[in-house]
Amino acid sequence: MALAYTVTLLADHKGVTLPKAVGDEYVVDALIDVTSIVATGSIIPASALGLSSVHCVSITGCDNANAVLPLVEISATGAYESATSFALMFTALDGTNASLSNDANGGSVRVRVWGNL
């Protein structure tokens, strides 16, 4: 199954959508519209956000019209998918609490991502 998503960088209070320096890192806000959920997770590359690496990802909101809960996948050691990407996983809120792996619509997920250019 093909991975399907769209990333929209969100403007800050000055209208800037590019990553901006915060201390030694850069931060960017984005809206990710996941149109097809896959079992391995929707893998979002840092390059889709204007970054070369990913250090931290925080979900800051989601469109839950499809009764699914998005989560940022991490390993047992706290690592993301890789140093240059992260994966969004989706859990069904239908009473089964199962991880979704079918071709369902994940909806929109707002994230804040820290990394380097």
N, C-alpha and C. Protein backbone atom coordinates (compact mmCIF):
# COMPACT_ATOMS: atom_id res chain seq x y z
N MET A 1 0.85 -1.18 0.00
CA MET A 1 0.00 0.00 0.00
C MET A 1 0.89 1.23 0.00
N ALA A 2 0.56 2.19 -0.79
CA ALA A 2 1.35 3.42 -0.90
C ALA A 2 1.08 4.33 0.29
N LEU A 3 2.11 5.01 0.70
CA LEU A 3 1.98 5.99 1.76
C LEU A 3 1.38 7.25 1.18
N ALA A 4 0.36 7.78 1.82
CA ALA A 4 -0.30 8.98 1.30
C ALA A 4 -0.47 10.00 2.41
N TYR A 5 0.15 11.16 2.24
CA TYR A 5 0.00 12.24 3.19
C TYR A 5 0.33 13.55 2.50
N THR A 6 -0.11 14.65 3.10
CA THR A 6 0.23 15.99 2.63
C THR A 6 0.69 16.79 3.83
N VAL A 7 1.81 17.50 3.71
CA VAL A 7 2.33 18.33 4.78
C VAL A 7 2.14 19.79 4.41
N THR A 8 1.55 20.57 5.30
CA THR A 8 1.40 22.01 5.12
C THR A 8 2.13 22.71 6.27
N LEU A 9 3.15 23.49 5.96
CA LEU A 9 3.84 24.24 7.01
C LEU A 9 2.95 25.39 7.43
N LEU A 10 2.80 25.59 8.75
CA LEU A 10 1.89 26.59 9.29
C LEU A 10 2.64 27.88 9.62
N ALA A 11 2.04 28.99 9.29
CA ALA A 11 2.66 30.31 9.53
C ALA A 11 2.62 30.67 11.01
N ASP A 12 3.70 31.32 11.46
CA ASP A 12 3.70 31.83 12.83
C ASP A 12 3.02 33.21 12.85
N HIS A 13 3.12 33.92 13.97
CA HIS A 13 2.45 35.22 14.11
C HIS A 13 2.97 36.29 13.15
N LYS A 14 4.14 36.05 12.54
CA LYS A 14 4.68 36.98 11.56
C LYS A 14 4.43 36.52 10.12
N GLY A 15 3.75 35.39 9.98
CA GLY A 15 3.47 34.87 8.65
C GLY A 15 4.57 34.01 8.06
N VAL A 16 5.59 33.66 8.86
CA VAL A 16 6.73 32.88 8.40
C VAL A 16 6.41 31.39 8.52
N THR A 17 6.65 30.64 7.45
CA THR A 17 6.42 29.20 7.48
C THR A 17 7.71 28.39 7.50
N LEU A 18 8.85 29.04 7.35
CA LEU A 18 10.13 28.34 7.36
C LEU A 18 10.52 27.96 8.78
N PRO A 19 11.37 26.92 8.94
CA PRO A 19 11.88 26.61 10.28
C PRO A 19 12.62 27.83 10.84
N LYS A 20 12.54 28.02 12.15
CA LYS A 20 13.20 29.15 12.79
C LYS A 20 14.07 28.66 13.95
N ALA A 21 15.15 29.37 14.23
CA ALA A 21 16.08 28.98 15.28
C ALA A 21 15.45 29.13 16.65
N VAL A 22 15.64 28.09 17.48
CA VAL A 22 15.25 28.11 18.88
C VAL A 22 16.44 27.52 19.63
N GLY A 23 17.25 28.38 20.22
CA GLY A 23 18.48 27.89 20.84
C GLY A 23 19.41 27.35 19.76
N ASP A 24 19.82 26.09 19.91
CA ASP A 24 20.71 25.44 18.94
C ASP A 24 19.97 24.65 17.88
N GLU A 25 18.64 24.66 17.92
CA GLU A 25 17.85 23.89 16.98
C GLU A 25 16.88 24.79 16.22
N TYR A 26 16.21 24.19 15.27
CA TYR A 26 15.15 24.87 14.53
C TYR A 26 13.83 24.19 14.86
N VAL A 27 12.75 24.95 14.79
CA VAL A 27 11.43 24.42 15.08
C VAL A 27 10.49 24.81 13.95
N VAL A 28 9.57 23.91 13.62
CA VAL A 28 8.59 24.18 12.58
C VAL A 28 7.25 23.57 13.00
N ASP A 29 6.17 24.29 12.73
CA ASP A 29 4.82 23.79 12.96
C ASP A 29 4.26 23.33 11.62
N ALA A 30 3.56 22.20 11.62
CA ALA A 30 3.02 21.68 10.37
C ALA A 30 1.70 20.97 10.60
N LEU A 31 0.90 20.92 9.55
CA LEU A 31 -0.34 20.16 9.53
C LEU A 31 -0.14 19.02 8.54
N ILE A 32 -0.25 17.79 9.03
CA ILE A 32 -0.05 16.61 8.19
C ILE A 32 -1.41 15.96 7.97
N ASP A 33 -1.82 15.88 6.72
CA ASP A 33 -3.09 15.26 6.36
C ASP A 33 -2.81 13.85 5.86
N VAL A 34 -3.10 12.86 6.71
CA VAL A 34 -2.84 11.46 6.37
C VAL A 34 -4.08 10.90 5.69
N THR A 35 -3.94 10.58 4.42
CA THR A 35 -5.09 10.11 3.64
C THR A 35 -5.12 8.60 3.48
N SER A 36 -4.05 7.92 3.92
CA SER A 36 -4.00 6.47 3.84
C SER A 36 -3.12 5.95 4.97
N ILE A 37 -3.71 5.16 5.87
CA ILE A 37 -2.98 4.60 7.00
C ILE A 37 -2.37 3.27 6.58
N VAL A 38 -1.10 3.06 6.92
CA VAL A 38 -0.43 1.80 6.64
C VAL A 38 0.07 1.19 7.94
N ALA A 39 0.24 -0.13 7.96
CA ALA A 39 0.61 -0.86 9.17
C ALA A 39 1.92 -0.40 9.77
N THR A 40 2.87 0.01 8.93
CA THR A 40 4.18 0.42 9.43
C THR A 40 4.20 1.86 9.91
N GLY A 41 3.07 2.55 9.77
CA GLY A 41 2.99 3.94 10.17
C GLY A 41 3.21 4.86 9.00
N SER A 42 2.69 6.05 9.11
CA SER A 42 2.88 7.07 8.08
C SER A 42 4.22 7.74 8.36
N ILE A 43 5.22 7.42 7.58
CA ILE A 43 6.58 7.91 7.82
C ILE A 43 6.73 9.27 7.17
N ILE A 44 7.05 10.27 8.00
CA ILE A 44 7.18 11.65 7.56
C ILE A 44 8.67 12.01 7.56
N PRO A 45 9.24 12.32 6.40
CA PRO A 45 10.66 12.68 6.35
C PRO A 45 10.89 14.12 6.83
N ALA A 46 12.04 14.36 7.43
CA ALA A 46 12.41 15.70 7.88
C ALA A 46 12.39 16.69 6.72
N SER A 47 12.76 16.23 5.54
CA SER A 47 12.82 17.11 4.37
C SER A 47 11.45 17.68 4.01
N ALA A 48 10.36 16.99 4.34
CA ALA A 48 9.01 17.51 4.07
C ALA A 48 8.70 18.72 4.95
N LEU A 49 9.50 18.90 6.00
CA LEU A 49 9.31 20.00 6.94
C LEU A 49 10.38 21.08 6.78
N GLY A 50 11.27 20.93 5.80
CA GLY A 50 12.36 21.88 5.60
C GLY A 50 13.54 21.64 6.53
N LEU A 51 13.61 20.46 7.13
CA LEU A 51 14.68 20.11 8.06
C LEU A 51 15.52 18.98 7.48
N SER A 52 16.74 18.80 8.03
CA SER A 52 17.58 17.67 7.62
C SER A 52 17.58 16.57 8.67
N SER A 53 17.17 16.90 9.91
CA SER A 53 17.12 15.91 10.98
C SER A 53 15.93 16.20 11.89
N VAL A 54 15.53 15.19 12.64
CA VAL A 54 14.42 15.30 13.59
C VAL A 54 14.95 14.98 14.99
N HIS A 55 14.78 15.91 15.93
CA HIS A 55 15.22 15.68 17.30
C HIS A 55 14.06 15.48 18.25
N CYS A 56 12.91 16.11 17.96
CA CYS A 56 11.76 16.01 18.85
C CYS A 56 10.50 16.28 18.04
N VAL A 57 9.44 15.51 18.33
CA VAL A 57 8.15 15.69 17.67
C VAL A 57 7.06 15.72 18.73
N SER A 58 6.20 16.70 18.63
CA SER A 58 5.09 16.81 19.56
C SER A 58 3.79 16.99 18.77
N ILE A 59 2.78 16.19 19.09
CA ILE A 59 1.47 16.37 18.47
C ILE A 59 0.77 17.48 19.24
N THR A 60 0.35 18.52 18.53
CA THR A 60 -0.28 19.67 19.19
C THR A 60 -1.76 19.78 18.87
N GLY A 61 -2.28 18.83 18.10
CA GLY A 61 -3.70 18.81 17.80
C GLY A 61 -4.00 17.78 16.74
N CYS A 62 -5.28 17.38 16.64
CA CYS A 62 -5.66 16.42 15.61
C CYS A 62 -7.14 16.56 15.29
N ASP A 63 -7.48 16.18 14.07
CA ASP A 63 -8.85 16.12 13.61
C ASP A 63 -9.31 14.69 13.87
N ASN A 64 -10.16 14.51 14.86
CA ASN A 64 -10.53 13.16 15.29
C ASN A 64 -11.89 12.75 14.76
N ALA A 65 -12.28 13.27 13.60
CA ALA A 65 -13.60 12.97 13.04
C ALA A 65 -13.74 11.49 12.70
N ASN A 66 -12.64 10.80 12.50
CA ASN A 66 -12.69 9.38 12.12
C ASN A 66 -12.50 8.45 13.30
N ALA A 67 -12.57 8.97 14.52
CA ALA A 67 -12.43 8.18 15.74
C ALA A 67 -11.12 7.40 15.78
N VAL A 68 -10.03 8.08 15.43
CA VAL A 68 -8.71 7.49 15.54
C VAL A 68 -7.81 8.43 16.34
N LEU A 69 -6.86 7.84 17.04
CA LEU A 69 -5.93 8.62 17.86
C LEU A 69 -4.54 8.52 17.25
N PRO A 70 -3.95 9.64 16.82
CA PRO A 70 -2.59 9.60 16.27
C PRO A 70 -1.56 9.61 17.38
N LEU A 71 -0.50 8.88 17.18
CA LEU A 71 0.62 8.84 18.11
C LEU A 71 1.91 8.89 17.32
N VAL A 72 2.95 9.48 17.90
CA VAL A 72 4.27 9.45 17.28
C VAL A 72 4.95 8.19 17.79
N GLU A 73 5.32 7.31 16.86
CA GLU A 73 5.94 6.04 17.24
C GLU A 73 7.37 6.24 17.69
N ILE A 74 7.73 5.59 18.80
CA ILE A 74 9.12 5.56 19.26
C ILE A 74 9.48 4.12 19.60
N SER A 75 10.78 3.84 19.63
CA SER A 75 11.26 2.51 20.01
C SER A 75 11.32 2.42 21.53
N ALA A 76 11.68 1.26 22.04
CA ALA A 76 11.80 1.06 23.49
C ALA A 76 12.87 1.97 24.09
N THR A 77 13.82 2.43 23.26
CA THR A 77 14.88 3.31 23.75
C THR A 77 14.55 4.78 23.54
N GLY A 78 13.36 5.07 22.98
CA GLY A 78 12.94 6.45 22.78
C GLY A 78 13.31 7.04 21.43
N ALA A 79 13.84 6.21 20.52
CA ALA A 79 14.24 6.70 19.20
C ALA A 79 13.04 6.80 18.26
N TYR A 80 13.10 7.75 17.34
CA TYR A 80 12.09 7.87 16.30
C TYR A 80 12.40 6.89 15.18
N GLU A 81 11.63 6.94 14.10
CA GLU A 81 11.83 6.05 12.95
C GLU A 81 13.29 6.07 12.51
N SER A 82 13.87 7.26 12.42
CA SER A 82 15.29 7.43 12.12
C SER A 82 15.68 8.84 12.54
N ALA A 83 16.93 9.22 12.32
CA ALA A 83 17.36 10.58 12.65
C ALA A 83 16.78 11.60 11.67
N THR A 84 16.23 11.09 10.56
CA THR A 84 15.72 11.99 9.52
C THR A 84 14.23 11.80 9.23
N SER A 85 13.52 11.06 10.11
CA SER A 85 12.08 10.86 9.90
C SER A 85 11.39 10.41 11.18
N PHE A 86 10.07 10.53 11.20
CA PHE A 86 9.28 9.99 12.30
C PHE A 86 8.04 9.34 11.71
N ALA A 87 7.41 8.46 12.49
CA ALA A 87 6.23 7.74 12.01
C ALA A 87 5.02 8.09 12.87
N LEU A 88 3.90 8.35 12.20
CA LEU A 88 2.62 8.53 12.88
C LEU A 88 1.86 7.21 12.82
N MET A 89 1.47 6.71 13.98
CA MET A 89 0.66 5.49 14.09
C MET A 89 -0.73 5.92 14.52
N PHE A 90 -1.73 5.11 14.19
CA PHE A 90 -3.11 5.45 14.50
C PHE A 90 -3.79 4.30 15.24
N THR A 91 -4.49 4.63 16.33
CA THR A 91 -5.22 3.66 17.12
C THR A 91 -6.71 3.92 16.97
N ALA A 92 -7.47 2.85 16.74
CA ALA A 92 -8.92 2.96 16.60
C ALA A 92 -9.55 3.22 17.96
N LEU A 93 -10.46 4.18 18.02
CA LEU A 93 -11.17 4.48 19.26
C LEU A 93 -12.59 3.89 19.18
N ASP A 94 -12.66 2.64 18.72
CA ASP A 94 -13.95 1.97 18.53
C ASP A 94 -14.22 0.91 19.58
N GLY A 95 -13.43 0.91 20.66
CA GLY A 95 -13.59 -0.08 21.70
C GLY A 95 -12.58 -1.21 21.60
N THR A 96 -11.98 -1.39 20.42
CA THR A 96 -10.97 -2.44 20.26
C THR A 96 -9.58 -1.92 20.60
N ASN A 97 -9.38 -0.62 20.46
CA ASN A 97 -8.08 0.03 20.68
C ASN A 97 -6.98 -0.63 19.85
N ALA A 98 -7.34 -1.09 18.67
CA ALA A 98 -6.38 -1.76 17.79
C ALA A 98 -5.61 -0.73 16.96
N SER A 99 -4.36 -1.05 16.65
CA SER A 99 -3.60 -0.22 15.72
C SER A 99 -4.17 -0.43 14.33
N LEU A 100 -4.40 0.66 13.64
CA LEU A 100 -4.99 0.57 12.31
C LEU A 100 -3.91 0.27 11.28
N SER A 101 -4.25 -0.59 10.34
CA SER A 101 -3.32 -0.91 9.26
C SER A 101 -4.05 -0.99 7.93
N ASN A 102 -5.28 -0.55 7.90
CA ASN A 102 -6.03 -0.60 6.65
C ASN A 102 -5.96 0.74 5.94
N ASP A 103 -6.69 0.88 4.89
CA ASP A 103 -6.65 2.07 4.06
C ASP A 103 -7.63 3.12 4.56
N ALA A 104 -7.68 3.34 5.87
CA ALA A 104 -8.59 4.32 6.46
C ALA A 104 -7.95 5.70 6.46
N ASN A 105 -8.77 6.71 6.56
CA ASN A 105 -8.31 8.09 6.58
C ASN A 105 -7.89 8.46 8.00
N GLY A 106 -6.64 8.85 8.18
CA GLY A 106 -6.14 9.22 9.50
C GLY A 106 -6.51 10.62 9.92
N GLY A 107 -6.96 11.43 8.98
CA GLY A 107 -7.31 12.81 9.30
C GLY A 107 -6.09 13.70 9.35
N SER A 108 -6.27 14.86 9.95
CA SER A 108 -5.19 15.85 10.02
C SER A 108 -4.56 15.84 11.40
N VAL A 109 -3.24 15.92 11.42
CA VAL A 109 -2.48 15.93 12.67
C VAL A 109 -1.58 17.16 12.65
N ARG A 110 -1.70 18.00 13.68
CA ARG A 110 -0.83 19.17 13.80
C ARG A 110 0.35 18.78 14.68
N VAL A 111 1.57 19.11 14.21
CA VAL A 111 2.79 18.75 14.94
C VAL A 111 3.71 19.97 15.06
N ARG A 112 4.55 19.91 16.07
CA ARG A 112 5.69 20.82 16.20
C ARG A 112 6.92 19.92 16.21
N VAL A 113 7.86 20.23 15.32
CA VAL A 113 9.04 19.39 15.15
C VAL A 113 10.30 20.23 15.34
N TRP A 114 11.23 19.70 16.15
CA TRP A 114 12.52 20.33 16.37
C TRP A 114 13.59 19.53 15.62
N GLY A 115 14.56 20.22 15.04
CA GLY A 115 15.63 19.55 14.33
C GLY A 115 16.64 20.54 13.81
N ASN A 116 17.44 20.09 12.85
CA ASN A 116 18.44 20.96 12.22
C ASN A 116 18.11 21.14 10.74
N LEU A 117 18.61 22.25 10.19
CA LEU A 117 18.42 22.51 8.76
C LEU A 117 19.32 21.61 7.94
